[in-house]
N, C-alpha and C. Protein backbone atom coordinates (compact mmCIF):
# COMPACT_ATOMS: atom_id res chain seq x y z
N MET A 1 -7.72 2.12 10.23
CA MET A 1 -6.43 1.73 9.91
C MET A 1 -5.53 1.34 10.96
N LYS A 2 -5.51 1.89 12.02
CA LYS A 2 -4.76 1.34 13.21
C LYS A 2 -5.20 -0.04 13.48
N GLU A 3 -6.48 -0.34 13.39
CA GLU A 3 -6.86 -1.75 13.86
C GLU A 3 -6.38 -2.65 12.88
N PHE A 4 -6.48 -2.44 11.41
CA PHE A 4 -6.02 -3.28 10.28
C PHE A 4 -4.36 -3.35 10.65
N LEU A 5 -3.61 -2.52 10.86
CA LEU A 5 -2.15 -2.86 11.24
C LEU A 5 -1.92 -3.52 12.68
N ASP A 6 -2.80 -3.25 13.49
CA ASP A 6 -2.52 -3.87 14.73
C ASP A 6 -2.87 -5.39 14.80
N LEU A 7 -3.65 -5.82 13.83
CA LEU A 7 -4.05 -6.97 13.54
C LEU A 7 -3.13 -7.86 12.62
N GLY A 8 -2.18 -7.19 12.00
CA GLY A 8 -1.10 -7.65 11.40
C GLY A 8 -1.09 -7.89 9.81
N PHE A 9 -2.10 -6.99 9.27
CA PHE A 9 -2.13 -7.08 7.93
C PHE A 9 -1.20 -5.99 7.29
N HIS A 10 -0.65 -6.41 6.00
CA HIS A 10 0.27 -5.59 5.19
C HIS A 10 -0.27 -5.24 4.10
N ALA A 11 0.09 -3.95 3.76
CA ALA A 11 -0.64 -3.46 2.14
C ALA A 11 0.49 -2.53 1.82
N ARG A 12 0.46 -2.50 0.52
CA ARG A 12 1.40 -1.26 -0.28
C ARG A 12 0.49 -0.39 -1.02
N VAL A 13 0.83 0.65 -1.20
CA VAL A 13 0.10 1.74 -2.18
C VAL A 13 0.60 1.44 -3.53
N VAL A 14 -0.75 1.13 -4.19
CA VAL A 14 -0.63 0.93 -5.66
C VAL A 14 -1.23 2.06 -6.63
N ALA A 15 -1.94 2.92 -6.24
CA ALA A 15 -2.36 4.07 -6.87
C ALA A 15 -2.59 5.49 -6.01
N VAL A 16 -2.25 6.35 -6.74
CA VAL A 16 -2.42 7.77 -5.87
C VAL A 16 -2.95 8.85 -6.89
N ARG A 17 -3.86 9.86 -6.41
CA ARG A 17 -4.08 10.93 -7.32
C ARG A 17 -3.10 11.77 -7.36
N ALA A 18 -2.62 12.03 -8.66
CA ALA A 18 -1.55 12.91 -9.08
C ALA A 18 -1.49 14.31 -8.64
N ASP A 19 -2.60 15.02 -8.10
CA ASP A 19 -2.83 16.04 -7.67
C ASP A 19 -2.57 16.36 -6.12
N LEU A 20 -2.45 15.17 -5.43
CA LEU A 20 -2.32 14.97 -4.04
C LEU A 20 -0.98 14.33 -3.68
N LEU A 21 -0.60 13.36 -4.47
CA LEU A 21 0.59 12.50 -4.27
C LEU A 21 1.30 12.13 -5.26
N GLY A 22 2.70 12.24 -5.28
CA GLY A 22 3.64 11.81 -6.38
C GLY A 22 3.92 10.31 -6.33
N GLN A 23 4.52 10.15 -7.42
CA GLN A 23 4.73 8.54 -7.89
C GLN A 23 5.77 8.10 -6.82
N GLU A 24 6.58 8.79 -6.05
CA GLU A 24 7.18 8.22 -4.91
C GLU A 24 6.37 7.52 -3.76
N TRP A 25 5.04 7.73 -3.87
CA TRP A 25 4.38 7.04 -2.80
C TRP A 25 4.07 5.64 -3.16
N LEU A 26 4.13 5.41 -4.40
CA LEU A 26 3.74 4.05 -4.93
C LEU A 26 4.71 3.10 -4.48
N GLY A 27 4.19 2.06 -4.12
CA GLY A 27 4.99 0.78 -3.44
C GLY A 27 5.24 0.95 -1.93
N ARG A 28 4.84 2.04 -1.34
CA ARG A 28 5.36 2.34 0.14
C ARG A 28 4.48 1.43 0.87
N PRO A 29 4.97 0.75 1.98
CA PRO A 29 4.14 -0.23 2.74
C PRO A 29 3.23 0.88 3.64
N VAL A 30 2.12 0.40 3.99
CA VAL A 30 1.04 1.07 4.89
C VAL A 30 1.28 0.93 6.20
N ASP A 31 1.91 1.67 7.01
CA ASP A 31 2.53 1.26 8.48
C ASP A 31 2.36 2.76 9.11
N GLN A 32 2.71 2.64 10.30
CA GLN A 32 2.64 3.84 11.11
C GLN A 32 3.41 5.31 10.29
N LYS A 33 4.43 5.01 9.93
CA LYS A 33 5.16 5.96 9.31
C LYS A 33 4.31 6.44 8.00
N PHE A 34 3.78 5.83 7.31
CA PHE A 34 2.93 6.21 6.31
C PHE A 34 1.79 7.14 6.62
N LEU A 35 1.10 6.72 7.76
CA LEU A 35 0.25 7.55 8.34
C LEU A 35 0.47 8.78 8.81
N ARG A 36 1.58 8.68 9.47
CA ARG A 36 2.05 10.01 10.08
C ARG A 36 2.58 11.11 8.79
N ASP A 37 3.10 10.40 7.92
CA ASP A 37 3.61 11.17 6.65
C ASP A 37 2.38 11.81 5.84
N ILE A 38 1.42 11.08 5.69
CA ILE A 38 -0.11 11.35 5.26
C ILE A 38 -0.53 12.37 5.82
N ALA A 39 -0.75 12.55 7.10
CA ALA A 39 -1.18 13.52 8.08
C ALA A 39 -0.31 14.74 8.03
N ASP A 40 1.01 14.63 7.88
CA ASP A 40 2.16 15.71 7.78
C ASP A 40 1.67 16.58 6.67
N LEU A 41 1.16 15.84 5.48
CA LEU A 41 1.07 16.91 4.39
C LEU A 41 0.05 17.91 4.38
N LYS A 42 -0.75 17.69 5.47
CA LYS A 42 -1.84 18.84 5.79
C LYS A 42 -2.79 18.93 4.31
N LYS A 43 -3.06 17.96 3.66
CA LYS A 43 -3.63 18.26 2.44
C LYS A 43 -5.33 17.49 2.84
N GLY A 44 -5.65 17.30 3.97
CA GLY A 44 -6.73 16.51 4.11
C GLY A 44 -6.95 15.41 3.63
N ILE A 45 -5.86 14.39 3.34
CA ILE A 45 -6.11 13.22 2.81
C ILE A 45 -6.66 12.12 4.12
N THR A 46 -7.44 11.41 3.93
CA THR A 46 -7.90 10.50 4.89
C THR A 46 -6.99 9.38 5.30
N PRO A 47 -6.93 8.75 6.32
CA PRO A 47 -6.03 7.77 6.68
C PRO A 47 -6.28 6.39 5.82
N CYS A 48 -7.44 6.26 5.28
CA CYS A 48 -7.90 5.05 4.57
C CYS A 48 -8.04 5.46 3.22
N GLY A 49 -7.66 6.40 2.56
CA GLY A 49 -8.04 7.02 1.38
C GLY A 49 -9.54 6.94 0.85
N GLU A 50 -10.53 7.09 1.89
CA GLU A 50 -11.84 6.91 1.56
C GLU A 50 -12.29 7.81 0.45
N ALA A 51 -11.81 8.98 0.14
CA ALA A 51 -12.22 9.85 -0.96
C ALA A 51 -11.40 9.59 -2.25
N GLY A 52 -10.72 8.37 -2.39
CA GLY A 52 -10.04 8.01 -3.65
C GLY A 52 -8.65 8.67 -3.76
N GLU A 53 -7.95 8.92 -2.31
CA GLU A 53 -6.63 9.63 -2.45
C GLU A 53 -5.54 8.78 -3.06
N PHE A 54 -5.76 7.65 -2.47
CA PHE A 54 -4.68 6.45 -2.74
C PHE A 54 -5.39 5.00 -2.59
N HIS A 55 -4.92 4.11 -3.22
CA HIS A 55 -5.44 2.69 -3.30
C HIS A 55 -4.27 1.75 -2.81
N THR A 56 -4.70 0.62 -2.38
CA THR A 56 -3.65 -0.33 -1.73
C THR A 56 -4.11 -1.52 -2.02
N LEU A 57 -3.06 -2.46 -2.17
CA LEU A 57 -3.17 -4.07 -2.36
C LEU A 57 -2.79 -4.48 -1.05
N VAL A 58 -3.57 -5.45 -0.51
CA VAL A 58 -3.43 -6.12 0.69
C VAL A 58 -2.54 -7.22 0.41
N THR A 59 -1.03 -7.45 0.97
CA THR A 59 -0.33 -8.51 0.61
C THR A 59 0.05 -9.58 1.63
N ASP A 60 -0.44 -9.27 2.90
CA ASP A 60 -0.22 -10.44 3.95
C ASP A 60 -1.20 -9.91 4.90
N GLY A 61 -1.50 -11.06 5.73
CA GLY A 61 -2.36 -10.87 7.04
C GLY A 61 -2.40 -12.13 7.71
N PRO A 62 -2.99 -12.10 9.00
CA PRO A 62 -3.24 -13.12 9.66
C PRO A 62 -3.98 -14.23 9.12
N ILE A 63 -4.95 -13.91 8.15
CA ILE A 63 -5.96 -14.91 7.70
C ILE A 63 -5.48 -15.81 6.41
N PHE A 64 -4.26 -15.39 5.98
CA PHE A 64 -3.75 -15.81 4.77
C PHE A 64 -2.54 -16.76 5.01
N LYS A 65 -2.81 -17.69 4.16
CA LYS A 65 -1.77 -18.88 4.52
C LYS A 65 -0.42 -18.59 3.70
N LYS A 66 -0.48 -17.66 2.63
CA LYS A 66 0.64 -17.26 1.98
C LYS A 66 0.84 -15.86 1.96
N ARG A 67 1.85 -15.27 1.50
CA ARG A 67 1.77 -13.71 1.23
C ARG A 67 2.07 -13.29 -0.08
N LEU A 68 1.77 -12.23 -0.65
CA LEU A 68 2.40 -11.63 -1.86
C LEU A 68 3.44 -11.13 -1.92
N GLU A 69 4.40 -11.40 -2.93
CA GLU A 69 5.67 -10.51 -2.69
C GLU A 69 5.89 -9.90 -4.37
N ILE A 70 5.76 -8.59 -4.27
CA ILE A 70 5.85 -7.86 -5.52
C ILE A 70 7.27 -7.80 -5.92
N THR A 71 7.82 -8.54 -6.95
CA THR A 71 9.05 -8.43 -7.39
C THR A 71 9.42 -7.75 -8.44
N SER A 72 8.51 -7.06 -9.12
CA SER A 72 8.72 -6.29 -10.48
C SER A 72 7.75 -5.33 -10.40
N ALA A 73 7.81 -3.84 -10.42
CA ALA A 73 6.75 -3.07 -10.71
C ALA A 73 7.34 -1.70 -10.97
N ALA A 74 6.41 -0.94 -11.80
CA ALA A 74 6.93 0.47 -12.24
C ALA A 74 5.69 1.24 -12.09
N PRO A 75 6.15 2.84 -12.20
CA PRO A 75 5.12 3.77 -12.14
C PRO A 75 4.78 3.99 -13.48
N GLU A 76 3.38 4.32 -13.56
CA GLU A 76 2.85 4.87 -14.66
C GLU A 76 1.83 5.60 -14.44
N LYS A 77 1.90 6.70 -15.37
CA LYS A 77 0.58 7.78 -15.08
C LYS A 77 -0.25 7.61 -16.05
N ARG A 78 -1.49 7.57 -15.68
CA ARG A 78 -2.77 7.66 -16.50
C ARG A 78 -3.80 8.32 -16.07
N GLY A 79 -3.98 9.41 -16.94
CA GLY A 79 -5.02 10.44 -16.61
C GLY A 79 -4.53 11.15 -15.46
N GLU A 80 -5.44 11.21 -14.34
CA GLU A 80 -5.02 12.04 -13.04
C GLU A 80 -4.45 11.09 -11.87
N HIS A 81 -3.81 9.92 -12.24
CA HIS A 81 -3.58 9.12 -11.45
C HIS A 81 -2.14 8.39 -11.68
N TRP A 82 -1.24 8.12 -10.44
CA TRP A 82 -0.20 7.19 -10.70
C TRP A 82 -0.50 6.04 -10.26
N PHE A 83 -0.15 5.01 -11.11
CA PHE A 83 -0.47 3.58 -10.56
C PHE A 83 0.96 2.86 -10.53
N TRP A 84 1.05 1.87 -9.71
CA TRP A 84 2.34 1.05 -9.61
C TRP A 84 1.96 -0.14 -10.18
N ASP A 85 2.44 -0.15 -11.55
CA ASP A 85 2.03 -1.37 -12.59
C ASP A 85 2.89 -2.51 -12.20
N ILE A 86 2.15 -3.54 -11.61
CA ILE A 86 2.85 -4.60 -11.04
C ILE A 86 3.21 -5.46 -12.31
N LYS A 87 4.47 -5.67 -12.42
CA LYS A 87 4.79 -6.61 -13.46
C LYS A 87 4.86 -8.21 -13.19
N LYS A 88 5.38 -8.38 -11.93
CA LYS A 88 5.57 -9.58 -11.45
C LYS A 88 5.17 -9.79 -9.85
N ILE A 89 4.61 -10.79 -9.41
CA ILE A 89 3.97 -10.98 -8.24
C ILE A 89 4.24 -12.53 -7.92
N GLU A 90 4.75 -12.77 -6.64
CA GLU A 90 4.84 -14.32 -6.44
C GLU A 90 4.00 -14.37 -5.20
N LEU A 91 3.30 -15.76 -4.98
CA LEU A 91 2.85 -16.23 -3.70
C LEU A 91 3.92 -16.96 -3.10
N VAL A 92 4.23 -16.52 -1.62
CA VAL A 92 5.33 -17.02 -0.97
C VAL A 92 4.74 -17.67 0.27
N GLU A 93 5.51 -18.87 0.56
CA GLU A 93 5.19 -19.39 1.91
C GLU A 93 5.50 -18.48 3.16
N LYS A 94 4.76 -18.45 4.11
CA LYS A 94 5.19 -17.70 5.29
C LYS A 94 6.13 -18.48 6.32
N LYS A 95 6.90 -17.82 6.79
CA LYS A 95 7.86 -18.37 7.77
C LYS A 95 6.95 -18.99 9.10
N SER A 96 7.17 -19.85 9.63
CA SER A 96 6.55 -20.66 10.75
C SER A 96 6.23 -19.36 11.88
N GLY A 97 5.12 -19.36 12.13
CA GLY A 97 4.64 -18.31 13.53
C GLY A 97 4.88 -16.94 13.02
N SER A 98 4.85 -16.65 11.66
CA SER A 98 5.11 -15.05 11.19
C SER A 98 4.10 -15.02 10.16
N SER A 99 3.73 -13.51 10.33
CA SER A 99 2.85 -13.20 9.07
C SER A 99 3.65 -12.38 8.12
N LEU A 100 4.81 -12.49 8.34
CA LEU A 100 5.84 -11.72 7.04
C LEU A 100 6.20 -12.69 6.24
């Protein structure tokens, strides 16, 4: 995950297991603070969510010409998971020399 972030990729949390994480985690950017907060929970959640603890959507990175901007989303609980139900998303031009 550190390499992913160091390379300049950006992702947002779009789903979480309800028994481990609440809906407040939805939409959070995956960054160093996210990784620290996950570790601080002491629930054995892997940094990349390898056991299905959470799922992400990559919204930007150095290999992309445009970035995704989520402009409307709402939490929705389905079964044992919370989902960030994305209602509207836009493909946005990047600023020159930036991956943001």
